[in-house]
Amino acid sequence: MRIAVVIHLLGVIVWVGGMFFAHVCLRPVAAAQLAPPQRLPLLAAILGRFFTAVAVSVVAILGTGVLRLSELHGAPAPWHWHAMSGIGSAMIIIFLIIVFRYYPRLKVAVASQNWPQGGAAMDVIRKLVLVNLVLGFVTVIIARVGA
């Protein structure tokens, strides 16, 4: 099922590539050039759009992963599939923590113009995104080494 592999890879590209862009390119420049009243609403809006894209990507990644496992017809999965599944599961949990715990705090802080609270929420989001970015890179390396 080559199409399943392509969909799986596209989901990974959106998620990991988006985290790289946001963490390494966008946020540092926004932090250097914009004060919190301009930066935090911008980042909150961008993250909202990004998190929607990631949610679609996660569904695609999970769906195609399950489809690929079903192709094995009960045979054991290769070691790297297990590793990718485990790391991917951790990444999904971290993503859900960001989306349901810290992103709402950021949105409330922005709506109430509480810039210190917004900055604190954004700092936690930034750190968790960095963890997921590293895990994403490790997963891509494992996928290639195991292939």
Protein backbone atom coordinates (compact mmCIF):
# COMPACT_ATOMS: atom_id res chain seq x y z
CA MET A 1 0.00 0.00 0.00
CA ARG A 2 2.23 2.75 -1.27
CA ILE A 3 -0.50 5.36 -0.88
CA ALA A 4 -0.71 4.58 2.85
CA VAL A 5 3.04 5.12 3.18
CA VAL A 6 2.79 8.43 1.30
CA ILE A 7 -0.08 9.62 3.52
CA HIS A 8 1.85 8.51 6.60
CA LEU A 9 4.95 10.42 5.48
CA LEU A 10 2.94 13.53 4.61
CA GLY A 11 1.47 13.52 8.12
CA VAL A 12 4.96 13.25 9.61
CA ILE A 13 6.26 16.04 7.38
CA VAL A 14 3.45 18.39 8.42
CA TRP A 15 3.91 17.63 12.12
CA VAL A 16 7.69 17.49 12.47
CA GLY A 17 8.37 20.10 9.81
CA GLY A 18 5.84 22.44 11.37
CA MET A 19 7.43 22.05 14.78
CA PHE A 20 10.86 22.77 13.31
CA PHE A 21 9.61 25.92 11.57
CA ALA A 22 7.73 27.18 14.62
CA HIS A 23 10.47 26.42 17.14
CA VAL A 24 13.60 27.28 15.18
CA CYS A 25 12.43 29.98 12.75
CA LEU A 26 9.21 31.70 13.79
CA ARG A 27 9.23 31.96 17.58
CA PRO A 28 12.79 33.28 18.04
CA VAL A 29 12.27 36.02 15.44
CA ALA A 30 8.87 36.93 16.88
CA ALA A 31 10.41 37.07 20.38
CA ALA A 32 13.23 39.32 19.18
CA GLN A 33 11.08 41.70 17.16
CA LEU A 34 7.67 41.82 18.84
CA ALA A 35 6.59 42.83 22.33
CA PRO A 36 4.28 40.42 24.18
CA PRO A 37 1.08 42.34 23.23
CA GLN A 38 1.88 41.72 19.56
CA ARG A 39 3.79 38.42 19.80
CA LEU A 40 1.48 36.34 21.98
CA PRO A 41 -1.75 36.93 20.00
CA LEU A 42 0.17 36.14 16.80
CA LEU A 43 1.61 32.92 18.20
CA ALA A 44 -1.73 31.87 19.70
CA ALA A 45 -3.43 32.30 16.31
CA ILE A 46 -0.66 30.48 14.44
CA LEU A 47 -0.66 27.63 16.95
CA GLY A 48 -4.42 27.25 16.61
CA ARG A 49 -4.08 26.68 12.88
CA PHE A 50 -1.03 24.45 13.35
CA PHE A 51 -2.72 22.30 16.00
CA THR A 52 -5.64 21.68 13.65
CA ALA A 53 -3.20 20.54 10.95
CA VAL A 54 -1.38 18.34 13.47
CA ALA A 55 -4.65 16.76 14.63
CA VAL A 56 -5.44 15.80 11.01
CA SER A 57 -1.87 14.53 10.62
CA VAL A 58 -2.10 12.42 13.78
CA VAL A 59 -5.30 10.79 12.52
CA ALA A 60 -3.62 10.10 9.17
CA ILE A 61 -0.48 8.72 10.82
CA LEU A 62 -2.45 6.48 13.18
CA GLY A 63 -4.82 5.30 10.46
CA THR A 64 -2.10 4.43 7.99
CA GLY A 65 -0.02 2.84 10.74
CA VAL A 66 -2.89 0.53 11.67
CA LEU A 67 -3.48 -0.21 7.99
CA ARG A 68 0.17 -1.17 7.53
CA LEU A 69 0.04 -3.40 10.63
CA SER A 70 -3.05 -5.16 9.25
CA GLU A 71 -1.06 -6.02 6.13
CA LEU A 72 1.18 -8.25 8.26
CA HIS A 73 -1.73 -10.68 8.84
CA GLY A 74 -0.56 -11.56 12.35
CA ALA A 75 3.16 -11.77 11.55
CA PRO A 76 5.46 -9.90 13.93
CA ALA A 77 6.09 -6.27 13.09
CA PRO A 78 9.66 -5.18 12.44
CA TRP A 79 11.52 -3.75 15.45
CA HIS A 80 11.52 -0.23 14.03
CA TRP A 81 7.71 -0.24 13.70
CA HIS A 82 7.49 -0.95 17.44
CA ALA A 83 9.95 1.85 18.19
CA MET A 84 8.09 4.30 15.96
CA SER A 85 4.76 3.33 17.53
CA GLY A 86 6.07 3.84 21.05
CA ILE A 87 7.73 7.17 20.35
CA GLY A 88 4.76 8.32 18.28
CA SER A 89 2.42 7.47 21.16
CA ALA A 90 4.53 9.59 23.51
CA MET A 91 4.46 12.42 20.99
CA ILE A 92 0.67 12.23 20.75
CA ILE A 93 0.36 12.39 24.54
CA ILE A 94 2.63 15.45 24.65
CA PHE A 95 0.61 17.04 21.83
CA LEU A 96 -2.63 16.43 23.74
CA ILE A 97 -1.13 17.97 26.89
CA ILE A 98 -0.18 21.05 24.92
CA VAL A 99 -3.56 21.35 23.21
CA PHE A 100 -5.79 20.67 26.21
CA ARG A 101 -3.74 22.10 29.07
CA TYR A 102 -1.36 24.84 27.97
CA TYR A 103 -2.86 26.20 24.76
CA PRO A 104 -6.15 27.10 26.52
CA ARG A 105 -4.10 28.96 29.15
CA LEU A 106 -2.36 30.89 26.39
CA LYS A 107 -5.67 31.79 24.74
CA VAL A 108 -7.21 32.96 28.04
CA ALA A 109 -4.14 35.04 28.84
CA VAL A 110 -4.18 36.64 25.39
CA ALA A 111 -7.92 37.36 25.62
CA SER A 112 -7.45 39.03 29.01
CA GLN A 113 -4.18 40.69 27.93
CA ASN A 114 -2.34 39.04 30.80
CA TRP A 115 1.06 38.97 29.12
CA PRO A 116 3.02 37.37 31.99
CA GLN A 117 0.57 34.43 32.12
CA GLY A 118 0.60 34.19 28.34
CA GLY A 119 4.38 34.19 28.31
CA ALA A 120 4.47 31.46 30.95
CA ALA A 121 2.04 29.28 28.96
CA MET A 122 4.00 29.90 25.76
CA ASP A 123 7.25 28.96 27.52
CA VAL A 124 5.84 25.57 28.54
CA ILE A 125 4.44 25.03 25.03
CA ARG A 126 7.85 25.90 23.57
CA LYS A 127 9.61 23.37 25.81
CA LEU A 128 7.11 20.60 25.06
CA VAL A 129 7.32 21.31 21.33
CA LEU A 130 11.11 20.99 21.60
CA VAL A 131 10.71 17.58 23.26
CA ASN A 132 8.34 16.48 20.50
CA LEU A 133 10.65 17.86 17.84
CA VAL A 134 13.57 15.79 19.17
CA LEU A 135 11.32 12.72 19.42
CA GLY A 136 10.15 13.33 15.86
CA PHE A 137 13.73 13.50 14.58
CA VAL A 138 14.59 10.29 16.46
CA THR A 139 11.55 8.57 14.94
CA VAL A 140 12.55 9.61 11.43
CA ILE A 141 16.08 8.28 12.02
CA ILE A 142 14.70 5.00 13.34
CA ALA A 143 12.40 4.72 10.31
CA ARG A 144 15.32 5.12 7.95
CA VAL A 145 17.71 2.86 9.86
CA GLY A 146 15.08 0.14 10.09
CA ALA A 147 14.13 0.31 6.42
